[in-house]
Amino acid sequence: MARVNIMIPETMLAEVDQAAEEDNLSRSALIQEAARRYLETRRIEREAAERKQRMEKAAANMDKLADKFGKWDGVGTIRQFRDQRTGAKR
């Protein structure tokens, strides 16, 4: 495990020490947990932003297809394929 030195305001250090004592942790363990949670939150937010970007791109592509092929009844098309597969008649 690596050792690091950090600069932290005295008031924040006092809060860290108080929280560590309340949670029965060492100062080091509390700071490690805080860093782990920060990194996890950051990863989750980055993945959510990437998902949103992919969804926006997919929606833009669907809009382009709609412009190219015009309006069509998607529900009707799905029902038609389903009915053909199951032999149902309307």
PDB file of N, CA and C in Angstrom:
ATOM      1  N   MET A   1       0.851  -1.173   0.000  1.00  0.00           N
ATOM      2  CA  MET A   1       0.000   0.000   0.000  1.00  0.00           C
ATOM      3  C   MET A   1       0.896   1.234   0.000  1.00  0.00           C
ATOM      4  N   ALA A   2       0.508   2.230  -0.761  1.00  0.00           N
ATOM      5  CA  ALA A   2       1.298   3.451  -0.876  1.00  0.00           C
ATOM      6  C   ALA A   2       0.963   4.417   0.253  1.00  0.00           C
ATOM      7  N   ARG A   3       1.937   5.195   0.610  1.00  0.00           N
ATOM      8  CA  ARG A   3       1.749   6.248   1.604  1.00  0.00           C
ATOM      9  C   ARG A   3       1.735   7.577   0.857  1.00  0.00           C
ATOM     10  N   VAL A   4       0.782   8.442   1.203  1.00  0.00           N
ATOM     11  CA  VAL A   4       0.694   9.767   0.579  1.00  0.00           C
ATOM     12  C   VAL A   4       0.571  10.835   1.663  1.00  0.00           C
ATOM     13  N   ASN A   5       1.024  12.014   1.316  1.00  0.00           N
ATOM     14  CA  ASN A   5       0.841  13.175   2.191  1.00  0.00           C
ATOM     15  C   ASN A   5      -0.108  14.124   1.490  1.00  0.00           C
ATOM     16  N   ILE A   6      -1.100  14.631   2.219  1.00  0.00           N
ATOM     17  CA  ILE A   6      -2.042  15.573   1.630  1.00  0.00           C
ATOM     18  C   ILE A   6      -2.136  16.803   2.519  1.00  0.00           C
ATOM     19  N   MET A   7      -2.539  17.884   1.898  1.00  0.00           N
ATOM     20  CA  MET A   7      -2.819  19.117   2.637  1.00  0.00           C
ATOM     21  C   MET A   7      -4.333  19.197   2.785  1.00  0.00           C
ATOM     22  N   ILE A   8      -4.794  19.447   4.004  1.00  0.00           N
ATOM     23  CA  ILE A   8      -6.220  19.516   4.281  1.00  0.00           C
ATOM     24  C   ILE A   8      -6.440  20.593   5.347  1.00  0.00           C
ATOM     25  N   PRO A   9      -7.454  21.413   5.172  1.00  0.00           N
ATOM     26  CA  PRO A   9      -7.711  22.449   6.181  1.00  0.00           C
ATOM     27  C   PRO A   9      -7.952  21.828   7.564  1.00  0.00           C
ATOM     28  N   GLU A  10      -7.508  22.522   8.589  1.00  0.00           N
ATOM     29  CA  GLU A  10      -7.638  22.024   9.968  1.00  0.00           C
ATOM     30  C   GLU A  10      -9.087  21.694  10.324  1.00  0.00           C
ATOM     31  N   THR A  11     -10.018  22.542   9.890  1.00  0.00           N
ATOM     32  CA  THR A  11     -11.423  22.302  10.237  1.00  0.00           C
ATOM     33  C   THR A  11     -11.938  21.024   9.582  1.00  0.00           C
ATOM     34  N   MET A  12     -11.511  20.782   8.340  1.00  0.00           N
ATOM     35  CA  MET A  12     -11.934  19.562   7.662  1.00  0.00           C
ATOM     36  C   MET A  12     -11.306  18.344   8.326  1.00  0.00           C
ATOM     37  N   LEU A  13     -10.053  18.462   8.727  1.00  0.00           N
ATOM     38  CA  LEU A  13      -9.379  17.357   9.407  1.00  0.00           C
ATOM     39  C   LEU A  13     -10.094  17.015  10.708  1.00  0.00           C
ATOM     40  N   ALA A  14     -10.548  18.034  11.404  1.00  0.00           N
ATOM     41  CA  ALA A  14     -11.286  17.795  12.646  1.00  0.00           C
ATOM     42  C   ALA A  14     -12.576  17.042  12.353  1.00  0.00           C
ATOM     43  N   GLU A  15     -13.266  17.408  11.275  1.00  0.00           N
ATOM     44  CA  GLU A  15     -14.493  16.704  10.900  1.00  0.00           C
ATOM     45  C   GLU A  15     -14.196  15.261  10.501  1.00  0.00           C
ATOM     46  N   VAL A  16     -13.115  15.068   9.754  1.00  0.00           N
ATOM     47  CA  VAL A  16     -12.711  13.713   9.343  1.00  0.00           C
ATOM     48  C   VAL A  16     -12.430  12.872  10.583  1.00  0.00           C
ATOM     49  N   ASP A  17     -11.669  13.418  11.507  1.00  0.00           N
ATOM     50  CA  ASP A  17     -11.335  12.676  12.724  1.00  0.00           C
ATOM     51  C   ASP A  17     -12.582  12.352  13.547  1.00  0.00           C
ATOM     52  N   GLN A  18     -13.514  13.301  13.634  1.00  0.00           N
ATOM     53  CA  GLN A  18     -14.744  13.061  14.380  1.00  0.00           C
ATOM     54  C   GLN A  18     -15.574  11.957  13.710  1.00  0.00           C
ATOM     55  N   ALA A  19     -15.715  12.032  12.378  1.00  0.00           N
ATOM     56  CA  ALA A  19     -16.479  11.011  11.657  1.00  0.00           C
ATOM     57  C   ALA A  19     -15.815   9.646  11.787  1.00  0.00           C
ATOM     58  N   ALA A  20     -14.493   9.619  11.685  1.00  0.00           N
ATOM     59  CA  ALA A  20     -13.773   8.350  11.809  1.00  0.00           C
ATOM     60  C   ALA A  20     -14.003   7.739  13.191  1.00  0.00           C
ATOM     61  N   GLU A  21     -13.957   8.567  14.221  1.00  0.00           N
ATOM     62  CA  GLU A  21     -14.179   8.071  15.578  1.00  0.00           C
ATOM     63  C   GLU A  21     -15.602   7.551  15.738  1.00  0.00           C
ATOM     64  N   GLU A  22     -16.581   8.307  15.196  1.00  0.00           N
ATOM     65  CA  GLU A  22     -17.980   7.890  15.297  1.00  0.00           C
ATOM     66  C   GLU A  22     -18.223   6.567  14.572  1.00  0.00           C
ATOM     67  N   ASP A  23     -17.523   6.359  13.459  1.00  0.00           N
ATOM     68  CA  ASP A  23     -17.710   5.140  12.669  1.00  0.00           C
ATOM     69  C   ASP A  23     -16.721   4.050  13.038  1.00  0.00           C
ATOM     70  N   ASN A  24     -15.939   4.315  14.071  1.00  0.00           N
ATOM     71  CA  ASN A  24     -14.946   3.342  14.549  1.00  0.00           C
ATOM     72  C   ASN A  24     -13.966   2.953  13.435  1.00  0.00           C
ATOM     73  N   LEU A  25     -13.488   3.967  12.714  1.00  0.00           N
ATOM     74  CA  LEU A  25     -12.524   3.769  11.638  1.00  0.00           C
ATOM     75  C   LEU A  25     -11.267   4.575  11.932  1.00  0.00           C
ATOM     76  N   SER A  26     -10.195   4.188  11.281  1.00  0.00           N
ATOM     77  CA  SER A  26      -9.011   5.032  11.335  1.00  0.00           C
ATOM     78  C   SER A  26      -9.214   6.189  10.359  1.00  0.00           C
ATOM     79  N   ARG A  27      -8.437   7.233  10.543  1.00  0.00           N
ATOM     80  CA  ARG A  27      -8.490   8.365   9.604  1.00  0.00           C
ATOM     81  C   ARG A  27      -8.217   7.865   8.195  1.00  0.00           C
ATOM     82  N   SER A  28      -7.225   7.016   8.064  1.00  0.00           N
ATOM     83  CA  SER A  28      -6.839   6.481   6.756  1.00  0.00           C
ATOM     84  C   SER A  28      -7.980   5.698   6.120  1.00  0.00           C
ATOM     85  N   ALA A  29      -8.639   4.849   6.910  1.00  0.00           N
ATOM     86  CA  ALA A  29      -9.737   4.034   6.386  1.00  0.00           C
ATOM     87  C   ALA A  29     -10.895   4.918   5.932  1.00  0.00           C
ATOM     88  N   LEU A  30     -11.194   5.968   6.692  1.00  0.00           N
ATOM     89  CA  LEU A  30     -12.278   6.868   6.309  1.00  0.00           C
ATOM     90  C   LEU A  30     -11.946   7.569   4.998  1.00  0.00           C
ATOM     91  N   ILE A  31     -10.728   8.054   4.851  1.00  0.00           N
ATOM     92  CA  ILE A  31     -10.344   8.746   3.620  1.00  0.00           C
ATOM     93  C   ILE A  31     -10.325   7.772   2.440  1.00  0.00           C
ATOM     94  N   GLN A  32      -9.886   6.543   2.660  1.00  0.00           N
ATOM     95  CA  GLN A  32      -9.921   5.540   1.591  1.00  0.00           C
ATOM     96  C   GLN A  32     -11.353   5.271   1.140  1.00  0.00           C
ATOM     97  N   GLU A  33     -12.260   5.143   2.099  1.00  0.00           N
ATOM     98  CA  GLU A  33     -13.665   4.889   1.773  1.00  0.00           C
ATOM     99  C   GLU A  33     -14.261   6.082   1.031  1.00  0.00           C
ATOM    100  N   ALA A  34     -13.932   7.281   1.463  1.00  0.00           N
ATOM    101  CA  ALA A  34     -14.439   8.483   0.788  1.00  0.00           C
ATOM    102  C   ALA A  34     -13.938   8.528  -0.653  1.00  0.00           C
ATOM    103  N   ALA A  35     -12.679   8.212  -0.859  1.00  0.00           N
ATOM    104  CA  ALA A  35     -12.112   8.209  -2.211  1.00  0.00           C
ATOM    105  C   ALA A  35     -12.755   7.121  -3.062  1.00  0.00           C
ATOM    106  N   ARG A  36     -12.965   5.939  -2.476  1.00  0.00           N
ATOM    107  CA  ARG A  36     -13.601   4.844  -3.211  1.00  0.00           C
ATOM    108  C   ARG A  36     -15.002   5.242  -3.663  1.00  0.00           C
ATOM    109  N   ARG A  37     -15.772   5.842  -2.757  1.00  0.00           N
ATOM    110  CA  ARG A  37     -17.139   6.257  -3.102  1.00  0.00           C
ATOM    111  C   ARG A  37     -17.137   7.351  -4.162  1.00  0.00           C
ATOM    112  N   TYR A  38     -16.219   8.286  -4.047  1.00  0.00           N
ATOM    113  CA  TYR A  38     -16.113   9.352  -5.049  1.00  0.00           C
ATOM    114  C   TYR A  38     -15.821   8.754  -6.423  1.00  0.00           C
ATOM    115  N   LEU A  39     -14.848   7.848  -6.482  1.00  0.00           N
ATOM    116  CA  LEU A  39     -14.470   7.245  -7.760  1.00  0.00           C
ATOM    117  C   LEU A  39     -15.614   6.417  -8.347  1.00  0.00           C
ATOM    118  N   GLU A  40     -16.349   5.710  -7.500  1.00  0.00           N
ATOM    119  CA  GLU A  40     -17.488   4.914  -7.954  1.00  0.00           C
ATOM    120  C   GLU A  40     -18.590   5.821  -8.501  1.00  0.00           C
ATOM    121  N   THR A  41     -18.881   6.898  -7.785  1.00  0.00           N
ATOM    122  CA  THR A  41     -19.889   7.860  -8.250  1.00  0.00           C
ATOM    123  C   THR A  41     -19.468   8.465  -9.579  1.00  0.00           C
ATOM    124  N   ARG A  42     -18.222   8.808  -9.684  1.00  0.00           N
ATOM    125  CA  ARG A  42     -17.695   9.396 -10.924  1.00  0.00           C
ATOM    126  C   ARG A  42     -17.830   8.410 -12.090  1.00  0.00           C
ATOM    127  N   ARG A  43     -17.515   7.121 -11.847  1.00  0.00           N
ATOM    128  CA  ARG A  43     -17.639   6.098 -12.881  1.00  0.00           C
ATOM    129  C   ARG A  43     -19.094   5.945 -13.316  1.00  0.00           C
ATOM    130  N   ILE A  44     -20.012   5.898 -12.353  1.00  0.00           N
ATOM    131  CA  ILE A  44     -21.432   5.747 -12.649  1.00  0.00           C
ATOM    132  C   ILE A  44     -21.936   6.936 -13.463  1.00  0.00           C
ATOM    133  N   GLU A  45     -21.552   8.141 -13.082  1.00  0.00           N
ATOM    134  CA  GLU A  45     -21.972   9.336 -13.819  1.00  0.00           C
ATOM    135  C   GLU A  45     -21.420   9.336 -15.237  1.00  0.00           C
ATOM    136  N   ARG A  46     -20.174   8.905 -15.398  1.00  0.00           N
ATOM    137  CA  ARG A  46     -19.562   8.842 -16.734  1.00  0.00           C
ATOM    138  C   ARG A  46     -20.294   7.826 -17.602  1.00  0.00           C
ATOM    139  N   GLU A  47     -20.612   6.654 -17.044  1.00  0.00           N
ATOM    140  CA  GLU A  47     -21.340   5.632 -17.795  1.00  0.00           C
ATOM    141  C   GLU A  47     -22.740   6.119 -18.168  1.00  0.00           C
ATOM    142  N   ALA A  48     -23.404   6.841 -17.257  1.00  0.00           N
ATOM    143  CA  ALA A  48     -24.741   7.370 -17.547  1.00  0.00           C
ATOM    144  C   ALA A  48     -24.667   8.397 -18.678  1.00  0.00           C
ATOM    145  N   ALA A  49     -23.644   9.233 -18.664  1.00  0.00           N
ATOM    146  CA  ALA A  49     -23.479  10.229 -19.728  1.00  0.00           C
ATOM    147  C   ALA A  49     -23.224   9.542 -21.067  1.00  0.00           C
ATOM    148  N   GLU A  50     -22.431   8.471 -21.055  1.00  0.00           N
ATOM    149  CA  GLU A  50     -22.166   7.725 -22.291  1.00  0.00           C
ATOM    150  C   GLU A  50     -23.436   7.061 -22.810  1.00  0.00           C
ATOM    151  N   ARG A  51     -24.247   6.475 -21.894  1.00  0.00           N
ATOM    152  CA  ARG A  51     -25.525   5.870 -22.288  1.00  0.00           C
ATOM    153  C   ARG A  51     -26.449   6.915 -22.897  1.00  0.00           C
ATOM    154  N   LYS A  52     -26.516   8.080 -22.258  1.00  0.00           N
ATOM    155  CA  LYS A  52     -27.371   9.151 -22.763  1.00  0.00           C
ATOM    156  C   LYS A  52     -26.926   9.574 -24.152  1.00  0.00           C
ATOM    157  N   GLN A  53     -25.631   9.681 -24.353  1.00  0.00           N
ATOM    158  CA  GLN A  53     -25.101  10.075 -25.662  1.00  0.00           C
ATOM    159  C   GLN A  53     -25.456   9.032 -26.725  1.00  0.00           C
ATOM    160  N   ARG A  54     -25.331   7.735 -26.384  1.00  0.00           N
ATOM    161  CA  ARG A  54     -25.691   6.683 -27.335  1.00  0.00           C
ATOM    162  C   ARG A  54     -27.178   6.720 -27.663  1.00  0.00           C
ATOM    163  N   MET A  55     -28.016   6.964 -26.643  1.00  0.00           N
ATOM    164  CA  MET A  55     -29.462   7.025 -26.870  1.00  0.00           C
ATOM    165  C   MET A  55     -29.825   8.218 -27.754  1.00  0.00           C
ATOM    166  N   GLU A  56     -29.181   9.355 -27.511  1.00  0.00           N
ATOM    167  CA  GLU A  56     -29.445  10.528 -28.345  1.00  0.00           C
ATOM    168  C   GLU A  56     -29.023  10.276 -29.785  1.00  0.00           C
ATOM    169  N   LYS A  57     -27.904   9.595 -29.964  1.00  0.00           N
ATOM    170  CA  LYS A  57     -27.439   9.271 -31.323  1.00  0.00           C
ATOM    171  C   LYS A  57     -28.424   8.316 -31.999  1.00  0.00           C
ATOM    172  N   ALA A  58     -28.900   7.314 -31.253  1.00  0.00           N
ATOM    173  CA  ALA A  58     -29.859   6.368 -31.816  1.00  0.00           C
ATOM    174  C   ALA A  58     -31.159   7.085 -32.189  1.00  0.00           C
ATOM    175  N   ALA A  59     -31.610   7.994 -31.340  1.00  0.00           N
ATOM    176  CA  ALA A  59     -32.835   8.744 -31.632  1.00  0.00           C
ATOM    177  C   ALA A  59     -32.648   9.609 -32.874  1.00  0.00           C
ATOM    178  N   ALA A  60     -31.479  10.222 -33.010  1.00  0.00           N
ATOM    179  CA  ALA A  60     -31.203  11.042 -34.194  1.00  0.00           C
ATOM    180  C   ALA A  60     -31.203  10.175 -35.450  1.00  0.00           C
ATOM    181  N   ASN A  61     -30.638   8.976 -35.351  1.00  0.00           N
ATOM    182  CA  ASN A  61     -30.645   8.056 -36.490  1.00  0.00           C
ATOM    183  C   ASN A  61     -32.061   7.625 -36.840  1.00  0.00           C
ATOM    184  N   MET A  62     -32.888   7.402 -35.825  1.00  0.00           N
ATOM    185  CA  MET A  62     -34.284   7.038 -36.082  1.00  0.00           C
ATOM    186  C   MET A  62     -35.025   8.198 -36.747  1.00  0.00           C
ATOM    187  N   ASP A  63     -34.734   9.410 -36.315  1.00  0.00           N
ATOM    188  CA  ASP A  63     -35.352  10.577 -36.948  1.00  0.00           C
ATOM    189  C   ASP A  63     -34.955  10.675 -38.417  1.00  0.00           C
ATOM    190  N   LYS A  64     -33.686  10.383 -38.714  1.00  0.00           N
ATOM    191  CA  LYS A  64     -33.225  10.409 -40.111  1.00  0.00           C
ATOM    192  C   LYS A  64     -33.962   9.359 -40.942  1.00  0.00           C
ATOM    193  N   LEU A  65     -34.130   8.169 -40.368  1.00  0.00           N
ATOM    194  CA  LEU A  65     -34.861   7.118 -41.076  1.00  0.00           C
ATOM    195  C   LEU A  65     -36.318   7.524 -41.297  1.00  0.00           C
ATOM    196  N   ALA A  66     -36.930   8.136 -40.292  1.00  0.00           N
ATOM    197  CA  ALA A  66     -38.320   8.574 -40.426  1.00  0.00           C
ATOM    198  C   ALA A  66     -38.435   9.619 -41.528  1.00  0.00           C
ATOM    199  N   ASP A  67     -37.462  10.523 -41.599  1.00  0.00           N
ATOM    200  CA  ASP A  67     -37.473  11.532 -42.660  1.00  0.00           C
ATOM    201  C   ASP A  67     -37.297  10.887 -44.031  1.00  0.00           C
ATOM    202  N   LYS A  68     -36.458   9.873 -44.084  1.00  0.00           N
ATOM    203  CA  LYS A  68     -36.166   9.216 -45.362  1.00  0.00           C
ATOM    204  C   LYS A  68     -37.346   8.386 -45.858  1.00  0.00           C
ATOM    205  N   PHE A  69     -37.983   7.628 -44.963  1.00  0.00           N
ATOM    206  CA  PHE A  69     -39.034   6.691 -45.377  1.00  0.00           C
ATOM    207  C   PHE A  69     -40.444   7.199 -45.128  1.00  0.00           C
ATOM    208  N   GLY A  70     -40.577   8.327 -44.466  1.00  0.00           N
ATOM    209  CA  GLY A  70     -41.910   8.863 -44.214  1.00  0.00           C
ATOM    210  C   GLY A  70     -42.578   8.172 -43.042  1.00  0.00           C
ATOM    211  N   LYS A  71     -43.817   8.573 -42.799  1.00  0.00           N
ATOM    212  CA  LYS A  71     -44.552   8.008 -41.666  1.00  0.00           C
ATOM    213  C   LYS A  71     -45.039   6.604 -41.998  1.00  0.00           C
ATOM    214  N   TRP A  72     -45.011   5.739 -41.006  1.00  0.00           N
ATOM    215  CA  TRP A  72     -45.533   4.397 -41.152  1.00  0.00           C
ATOM    216  C   TRP A  72     -46.097   3.955 -39.819  1.00  0.00           C
ATOM    217  N   ASP A  73     -46.979   2.989 -39.871  1.00  0.00           N
ATOM    218  CA  ASP A  73     -47.647   2.492 -38.675  1.00  0.00           C
ATOM    219  C   ASP A  73     -46.820   1.368 -38.074  1.00  0.00           C
ATOM    220  N   GLY A  74     -45.939   1.721 -37.141  1.00  0.00           N
ATOM    221  CA  GLY A  74     -45.075   0.721 -36.513  1.00  0.00           C
ATOM    222  C   GLY A  74     -45.850  -0.329 -35.750  1.00  0.00           C
ATOM    223  N   VAL A  75     -46.874   0.093 -35.022  1.00  0.00           N
ATOM    224  CA  VAL A  75     -47.691  -0.849 -34.258  1.00  0.00           C
ATOM    225  C   VAL A  75     -48.403  -1.805 -35.212  1.00  0.00           C
ATOM    226  N   GLY A  76     -48.938  -1.258 -36.286  1.00  0.00           N
ATOM    227  CA  GLY A  76     -49.619  -2.103 -37.270  1.00  0.00           C
ATOM    228  C   GLY A  76     -48.681  -3.109 -37.899  1.00  0.00           C
ATOM    229  N   THR A  77     -47.464  -2.685 -38.199  1.00  0.00           N
ATOM    230  CA  THR A  77     -46.475  -3.586 -38.795  1.00  0.00           C
ATOM    231  C   THR A  77     -46.120  -4.707 -37.830  1.00  0.00           C
ATOM    232  N   ILE A  78     -45.924  -4.366 -36.567  1.00  0.00           N
ATOM    233  CA  ILE A  78     -45.600  -5.389 -35.561  1.00  0.00           C
ATOM    234  C   ILE A  78     -46.758  -6.370 -35.420  1.00  0.00           C
ATOM    235  N   ARG A  79     -47.982  -5.860 -35.378  1.00  0.00           N
ATOM    236  CA  ARG A  79     -49.151  -6.740 -35.269  1.00  0.00           C
ATOM    237  C   ARG A  79     -49.246  -7.665 -36.477  1.00  0.00           C
ATOM    238  N   GLN A  80     -48.978  -7.114 -37.655  1.00  0.00           N
ATOM    239  CA  GLN A  80     -49.043  -7.910 -38.878  1.00  0.00           C
ATOM    240  C   GLN A  80     -48.035  -9.065 -38.818  1.00  0.00           C
ATOM    241  N   PHE A  81     -46.797  -8.768 -38.443  1.00  0.00           N
ATOM    242  CA  PHE A  81     -45.785  -9.827 -38.343  1.00  0.00           C
ATOM    243  C   PHE A  81     -46.153 -10.838 -37.265  1.00  0.00           C
ATOM    244  N   ARG A  82     -46.662 -10.360 -36.131  1.00  0.00           N
ATOM    245  CA  ARG A  82     -47.063 -11.264 -35.052  1.00  0.00           C
ATOM    246  C   ARG A  82     -48.190 -12.170 -35.508  1.00  0.00           C
ATOM    247  N   ASP A  83     -49.186 -11.576 -36.162  1.00  0.00           N
ATOM    248  CA  ASP A  83     -50.336 -12.357 -36.612  1.00  0.00           C
ATOM    249  C   ASP A  83     -49.930 -13.384 -37.665  1.00  0.00           C
ATOM    250  N   GLN A  84     -49.004 -13.018 -38.538  1.00  0.00           N
ATOM    251  CA  GLN A  84     -48.517 -13.969 -39.546  1.00  0.00           C
ATOM    252  C   GLN A  84     -47.806 -15.143 -38.882  1.00  0.00           C
ATOM    253  N   ARG A  85     -47.053 -14.842 -37.839  1.00  0.00           N
ATOM    254  CA  ARG A  85     -46.277 -15.883 -37.152  1.00  0.00           C
ATOM    255  C   ARG A  85     -47.192 -16.809 -36.366  1.00  0.00           C
ATOM    256  N   THR A  86     -48.224 -16.241 -35.742  1.00  0.00           N
ATOM    257  CA  THR A  86     -49.107 -17.054 -34.896  1.00  0.00           C
ATOM    258  C   THR A  86     -50.328 -17.577 -35.631  1.00  0.00           C
ATOM    259  N   GLY A  87     -50.580 -17.074 -36.836  1.00  0.00           N
ATOM    260  CA  GLY A  87     -51.735 -17.498 -37.595  1.00  0.00           C
ATOM    261  C   GLY A  87     -53.017 -16.817 -37.171  1.00  0.00           C
ATOM    262  N   ALA A  88     -52.925 -15.782 -36.355  1.00  0.00           N
ATOM    263  CA  ALA A  88     -54.125 -15.071 -35.882  1.00  0.00           C
ATOM    264  C   ALA A  88     -54.708 -14.246 -37.009  1.00  0.00           C
ATOM    265  N   LYS A  89     -56.027 -14.093 -36.960  1.00  0.00           N
ATOM    266  CA  LYS A  89     -56.717 -13.279 -37.960  1.00  0.00           C
ATOM    267  C   LYS A  89     -57.516 -12.224 -37.245  1.00  0.00           C
ATOM    268  N   ARG A  90     -57.618 -11.084 -37.861  1.00  0.00           N
ATOM    269  CA  ARG A  90     -58.386  -9.971 -37.289  1.00  0.00           C
ATOM    270  C   ARG A  90     -59.623  -9.758 -38.073  1.00  0.00           C
TER     271      ARG A  90
END
